[in-house]
Protein backbone atom coordinates (compact mmCIF):
# COMPACT_ATOMS: atom_id res chain seq x y z
CA MET A 1 -58.25 72.51 -14.03
CA ASP A 2 -59.27 76.14 -13.94
CA PRO A 3 -60.16 77.12 -10.32
CA ASN A 4 -63.46 78.67 -11.44
CA GLN A 5 -64.43 75.46 -13.24
CA GLU A 6 -63.36 73.39 -10.23
CA LEU A 7 -65.52 75.53 -7.96
CA GLU A 8 -68.50 75.08 -10.27
CA ASN A 9 -67.95 71.30 -10.45
CA LEU A 10 -67.69 71.02 -6.68
CA ARG A 11 -70.88 73.02 -6.21
CA LEU A 12 -72.68 70.78 -8.69
CA GLN A 13 -71.59 67.75 -6.69
CA ILE A 14 -72.93 69.36 -3.51
CA ASP A 15 -76.24 70.07 -5.27
CA GLN A 16 -76.50 66.41 -6.26
CA ILE A 17 -75.72 65.24 -2.73
CA ASP A 18 -78.28 67.69 -1.32
CA GLY A 19 -80.89 66.11 -3.58
CA GLN A 20 -79.97 62.68 -2.25
CA ILE A 21 -80.16 63.94 1.34
CA LEU A 22 -83.62 65.41 0.71
CA ARG A 23 -84.89 62.15 -0.78
CA LEU A 24 -83.55 60.22 2.22
CA LEU A 25 -85.03 62.72 4.68
CA SER A 26 -88.40 62.35 2.97
CA GLU A 27 -88.13 58.57 3.18
CA ARG A 28 -87.15 58.79 6.87
CA ALA A 29 -90.03 61.15 7.61
CA GLY A 30 -92.46 58.77 5.92
CA LEU A 31 -91.22 55.92 8.09
CA ALA A 32 -91.50 58.12 11.19
CA LEU A 33 -95.09 58.91 10.25
CA ARG A 34 -95.88 55.20 9.96
CA ILE A 35 -94.17 54.54 13.30
CA GLY A 36 -96.29 57.26 14.91
CA ARG A 37 -99.44 55.60 13.62
CA VAL A 38 -98.34 52.20 14.95
CA LYS A 39 -97.51 53.76 18.33
CA ARG A 40 -101.00 55.28 18.46
CA THR A 41 -102.55 51.91 17.61
CA LEU A 42 -100.54 50.28 20.40
CA GLY A 43 -101.37 53.06 22.84
CA HIS A 44 -97.71 54.08 23.19
CA GLU A 45 -96.47 57.60 23.79
CA ILE A 46 -95.09 59.29 20.69
CA SER A 47 -92.03 60.62 22.50
CA ASP A 48 -89.43 57.99 23.40
CA PRO A 49 -86.55 59.87 25.05
CA LYS A 50 -84.43 56.75 25.57
CA ARG A 51 -84.68 55.76 21.91
CA GLU A 52 -83.92 59.32 20.84
CA ARG A 53 -80.81 59.45 23.08
CA ASP A 54 -79.66 56.07 21.79
CA VAL A 55 -80.04 57.18 18.17
CA LEU A 56 -78.19 60.46 18.80
CA HIS A 57 -75.29 58.74 20.55
CA ALA A 58 -75.05 56.02 17.88
CA ARG A 59 -75.02 58.53 15.01
CA ALA A 60 -72.46 60.76 16.73
CA ALA A 61 -70.26 57.73 17.48
CA SER A 62 -70.46 56.60 13.85
CA GLY A 63 -68.77 59.80 12.78
CA ALA A 64 -68.95 61.72 9.54
CA ALA A 65 -65.49 63.24 9.22
CA PRO A 66 -64.72 66.01 8.75
CA LEU A 67 -67.89 66.83 10.74
CA PRO A 68 -67.25 66.64 14.48
CA ALA A 69 -69.38 64.28 16.59
CA ASP A 70 -71.27 67.17 18.20
CA GLY A 71 -72.13 68.49 14.73
CA VAL A 72 -73.52 65.09 13.71
CA GLU A 73 -75.49 64.96 16.96
CA ALA A 74 -76.92 68.45 16.36
CA ILE A 75 -78.02 67.54 12.83
CA PHE A 76 -79.71 64.33 13.97
CA SER A 77 -81.28 66.13 16.92
CA GLU A 78 -83.09 68.39 14.45
CA ILE A 79 -84.09 65.46 12.26
CA ILE A 80 -85.50 63.60 15.26
CA LYS A 81 -87.33 66.70 16.51
CA TRP A 82 -89.07 67.18 13.16
CA CYS A 83 -89.87 63.48 12.78
CA ARG A 84 -91.39 63.49 16.28
CA TYR A 85 -93.51 66.47 15.23
CA ILE A 86 -94.69 64.54 12.17
CA GLN A 87 -95.63 61.62 14.41
CA GLU A 88 -97.46 63.82 16.90
CA HIS A 89 -99.45 65.61 14.22
CA ASP A 90 -99.93 62.73 11.80
CA GLY A 91 -98.03 64.48 9.02
CA LYS A 92 -99.74 67.88 9.24
CA ALA A 93 -97.63 70.96 8.55
CA PRO A 94 -96.36 72.84 11.63
CA ALA A 95 -97.91 76.12 12.73
CA ASN A 96 -94.37 77.51 13.04
CA PRO A 97 -92.30 76.10 10.18
CA HIS A 98 -89.06 77.16 11.89
CA ASN A 99 -89.53 75.32 15.17
CA PRO A 100 -92.06 72.57 15.76
CA GLU A 101 -91.56 72.84 19.51
CA ASP A 102 -92.96 76.39 19.43
CA ALA A 103 -96.25 75.20 17.93
CA ASP A 104 -99.01 75.99 20.41
CA ASP A 105 -101.79 73.78 19.18
CA GLY A 106 -102.58 72.01 22.44
CA ASP A 107 -101.74 68.59 20.97
CA ARG A 108 -98.39 67.84 22.58
CA HIS A 109 -97.66 64.32 23.78
CA GLY A 110 -94.60 65.14 25.86
């Protein structure tokens, strides 16, 4: 196969996978939002550091070669951070779209 055509085909495959990742992230975020609402109903704190650590360690241990474990952990750390923000703010958009932890809206739950 022509290298230019191979490059184009590989990029198309990445685009398709990116679409799948986005759909799954949206589904995960929706579940996180629902979890946040249940936590509120139960009177639980939104932040659950032990659960977050357990999830990070489990995902890193599962592996995603050729990504290293610390890369997997960094990716899931970001996902968890944004899902926690969604829970804390009941799905409202962040004041700072680049870093939810920088949002200074006085509504942090720890």
